[in-house]
Amino acid sequence: CSARVRLSSAARAILPLPLGRRSRPPRGLASAAMPRPGRVDIAIAIALLAITLGELVGSDFETAPGALVAAALLLTMPLAWRRVAPLPAVAASMAGSVVLSIMTVDDLEPQTPIVVMLVAAYGAGAHLDRREALAGLALVVGAILVDELGDAIVLAPVCAGAWAAGRP
């Protein structure tokens, strides 16, 4: 004999329930799932990854290639979520920029993170309300200051321009 138990929506959201073949996840879990990025955003992130890998693998960096590939993934792939989760995407991507900067501190600075910073700044401006968009711009400028301190006088205004271009 199977007894049916009625749970509140809050209980359904936190209790792991076995799902049958035709069952749906409880409403709380279904709404908590992050939306998937669009095809264009995935294509942009993959294109940025290819460009970054081309520079990193094709140059004479002292850092292990596997570590450079991991940093390139962290730098570029979060931008696939630049429309569905813009601020976390910018934060993760700029963390990747800082990691890559630290990894290549003894080498010539890679230049492809600049393109990623421009895309991240534009995405923050285009897909966030003003307060969060400013936080996204601050993350980009912070990464510039860590990554390209000497170039910040040029890069920060250029990224601010990309951010402003994205504003509605």
Protein backbone atom coordinates (compact mmCIF):
# COMPACT_ATOMS: atom_id res chain seq x y z
CA CYS A 1 0.00 0.00 0.00
CA SER A 2 1.54 3.32 -1.01
CA ALA A 3 0.55 6.42 0.89
CA ARG A 4 0.65 9.80 -0.79
CA VAL A 5 2.27 12.52 1.21
CA ARG A 6 1.44 16.15 0.45
CA LEU A 7 4.35 18.47 1.05
CA SER A 8 4.37 22.21 1.18
CA SER A 9 6.16 23.97 -1.65
CA ALA A 10 9.01 24.86 0.74
CA ALA A 11 9.40 21.23 1.80
CA ARG A 12 9.32 20.06 -1.82
CA ALA A 13 12.06 22.54 -2.66
CA ILE A 14 14.49 21.22 -0.05
CA LEU A 15 13.65 17.53 0.18
CA PRO A 16 15.23 15.24 -2.38
CA LEU A 17 12.40 13.26 -3.87
CA PRO A 18 12.90 10.36 -6.25
CA LEU A 19 11.61 11.31 -9.66
CA GLY A 20 9.68 8.78 -11.69
CA ARG A 21 9.79 8.53 -15.46
CA ARG A 22 7.07 11.08 -15.94
CA SER A 23 7.62 13.18 -12.86
CA ARG A 24 8.85 16.75 -12.90
CA PRO A 25 11.17 18.22 -10.31
CA PRO A 26 9.45 20.09 -7.50
CA ARG A 27 8.65 23.68 -8.42
CA GLY A 28 11.30 25.14 -6.12
CA LEU A 29 14.02 23.11 -7.83
CA ALA A 30 12.76 23.80 -11.32
CA SER A 31 12.80 27.55 -10.78
CA ALA A 32 16.24 27.46 -9.17
CA ALA A 33 17.84 25.96 -12.26
CA MET A 34 20.01 28.42 -14.15
CA PRO A 35 18.86 29.17 -17.68
CA ARG A 36 21.05 27.89 -20.43
CA PRO A 37 23.12 30.33 -22.45
CA GLY A 38 22.08 31.05 -26.01
CA ARG A 39 23.87 29.70 -29.05
CA VAL A 40 25.31 33.08 -30.01
CA ASP A 41 26.77 33.56 -26.53
CA ILE A 42 28.27 30.07 -26.59
CA ALA A 43 29.75 30.77 -30.03
CA ILE A 44 31.25 34.06 -28.81
CA ALA A 45 32.80 32.34 -25.78
CA ILE A 46 34.23 29.54 -27.95
CA ALA A 47 35.63 32.06 -30.44
CA LEU A 48 37.29 33.98 -27.60
CA LEU A 49 38.67 30.70 -26.24
CA ALA A 50 40.12 29.80 -29.66
CA ILE A 51 41.77 33.21 -30.01
CA THR A 52 43.15 33.05 -26.48
CA LEU A 53 44.46 29.50 -26.92
CA GLY A 54 46.04 30.51 -30.21
CA GLU A 55 48.01 33.23 -28.46
CA LEU A 56 48.89 31.21 -25.37
CA VAL A 57 49.88 27.97 -27.10
CA GLY A 58 51.56 29.72 -30.02
CA SER A 59 53.81 31.84 -27.78
CA ASP A 60 56.76 30.94 -25.61
CA PHE A 61 55.24 31.15 -22.15
CA GLU A 62 57.16 29.48 -19.34
CA THR A 63 53.94 28.32 -17.66
CA ALA A 64 52.84 24.73 -18.31
CA PRO A 65 50.49 24.52 -21.31
CA GLY A 66 47.83 22.64 -19.31
CA ALA A 67 47.69 25.43 -16.75
CA LEU A 68 47.42 28.02 -19.53
CA VAL A 69 44.53 26.10 -21.09
CA ALA A 70 42.74 25.96 -17.72
CA ALA A 71 43.24 29.72 -17.25
CA ALA A 72 41.99 30.37 -20.79
CA LEU A 73 38.85 28.34 -20.06
CA LEU A 74 38.25 30.32 -16.85
CA LEU A 75 38.86 33.57 -18.71
CA THR A 76 36.56 32.98 -21.67
CA MET A 77 33.86 30.40 -21.03
CA PRO A 78 31.95 32.28 -18.29
CA LEU A 79 31.06 34.83 -20.97
CA ALA A 80 28.67 32.25 -22.44
CA TRP A 81 26.41 33.23 -19.51
CA ARG A 82 26.80 36.99 -20.07
CA ARG A 83 23.07 37.40 -20.77
CA VAL A 84 21.53 34.89 -18.36
CA ALA A 85 23.84 35.60 -15.37
CA PRO A 86 25.80 38.71 -16.32
CA LEU A 87 27.43 39.70 -13.04
CA PRO A 88 28.65 36.20 -12.10
CA ALA A 89 29.89 35.79 -15.69
CA VAL A 90 31.90 39.01 -15.49
CA ALA A 91 33.23 38.11 -12.02
CA ALA A 92 34.33 34.63 -13.10
CA SER A 93 35.86 35.90 -16.32
CA MET A 94 37.79 38.65 -14.56
CA ALA A 95 38.99 36.09 -12.00
CA GLY A 96 40.32 34.15 -14.98
CA SER A 97 42.06 37.29 -16.19
CA VAL A 98 43.75 37.74 -12.82
CA VAL A 99 44.77 34.05 -12.71
CA LEU A 100 46.23 34.27 -16.21
CA SER A 101 48.06 37.46 -15.27
CA ILE A 102 49.59 35.80 -12.22
CA MET A 103 50.57 32.73 -14.25
CA THR A 104 52.33 34.78 -16.93
CA VAL A 105 53.92 37.37 -14.64
CA ASP A 106 57.46 36.51 -15.84
CA ASP A 107 56.47 36.47 -19.50
CA LEU A 108 55.30 38.99 -22.03
CA GLU A 109 51.70 39.86 -21.15
CA PRO A 110 49.08 38.08 -23.28
CA GLN A 111 46.91 40.54 -25.19
CA THR A 112 43.73 38.51 -25.74
CA PRO A 113 42.40 39.19 -22.21
CA ILE A 114 41.87 42.77 -23.41
CA VAL A 115 39.26 41.55 -25.91
CA VAL A 116 37.60 39.49 -23.19
CA MET A 117 37.53 42.54 -20.91
CA LEU A 118 35.81 44.55 -23.64
CA VAL A 119 33.16 41.87 -24.14
CA ALA A 120 32.66 41.55 -20.37
CA ALA A 121 32.33 45.33 -19.95
CA TYR A 122 29.84 45.56 -22.80
CA GLY A 123 27.84 42.63 -21.37
CA ALA A 124 27.71 44.23 -17.93
CA GLY A 125 26.48 47.48 -19.42
CA ALA A 126 23.92 45.84 -21.69
CA HIS A 127 22.40 43.21 -19.42
CA LEU A 128 22.40 44.64 -15.89
CA ASP A 129 20.55 47.42 -14.15
CA ARG A 130 22.65 50.50 -13.41
CA ARG A 131 23.92 49.55 -9.94
CA GLU A 132 24.93 46.02 -10.90
CA ALA A 133 26.30 47.27 -14.23
CA LEU A 134 28.58 49.64 -12.34
CA ALA A 135 29.71 46.72 -10.17
CA GLY A 136 30.49 44.76 -13.35
CA LEU A 137 32.49 47.69 -14.72
CA ALA A 138 34.34 47.92 -11.39
CA LEU A 139 35.26 44.23 -11.69
CA VAL A 140 36.64 44.82 -15.19
CA VAL A 141 38.62 47.89 -14.13
CA GLY A 142 39.92 45.98 -11.10
CA ALA A 143 41.14 43.19 -13.36
CA ILE A 144 42.81 45.78 -15.61
CA LEU A 145 44.61 47.24 -12.62
CA VAL A 146 45.89 43.80 -11.63
CA ASP A 147 46.62 42.59 -15.15
CA GLU A 148 47.80 45.63 -17.09
CA LEU A 149 48.57 48.33 -14.52
CA GLY A 150 50.77 50.30 -16.91
CA ASP A 151 48.07 50.22 -19.57
CA ALA A 152 45.19 51.11 -17.22
CA ILE A 153 45.25 54.74 -18.33
CA VAL A 154 44.18 53.58 -21.80
CA LEU A 155 42.33 50.32 -21.12
CA ALA A 156 40.05 51.55 -18.32
CA PRO A 157 38.49 54.33 -20.44
CA VAL A 158 38.22 52.01 -23.45
CA CYS A 159 36.41 49.39 -21.34
CA ALA A 160 34.25 52.13 -19.84
CA GLY A 161 33.35 53.10 -23.41
CA ALA A 162 32.39 49.49 -24.21
CA TRP A 163 30.30 49.45 -21.01
CA ALA A 164 28.59 52.72 -22.00
CA ALA A 165 27.93 51.38 -25.50
CA GLY A 166 25.99 48.53 -23.92
CA ARG A 167 23.80 50.79 -21.78
CA PRO A 168 20.21 51.09 -23.00
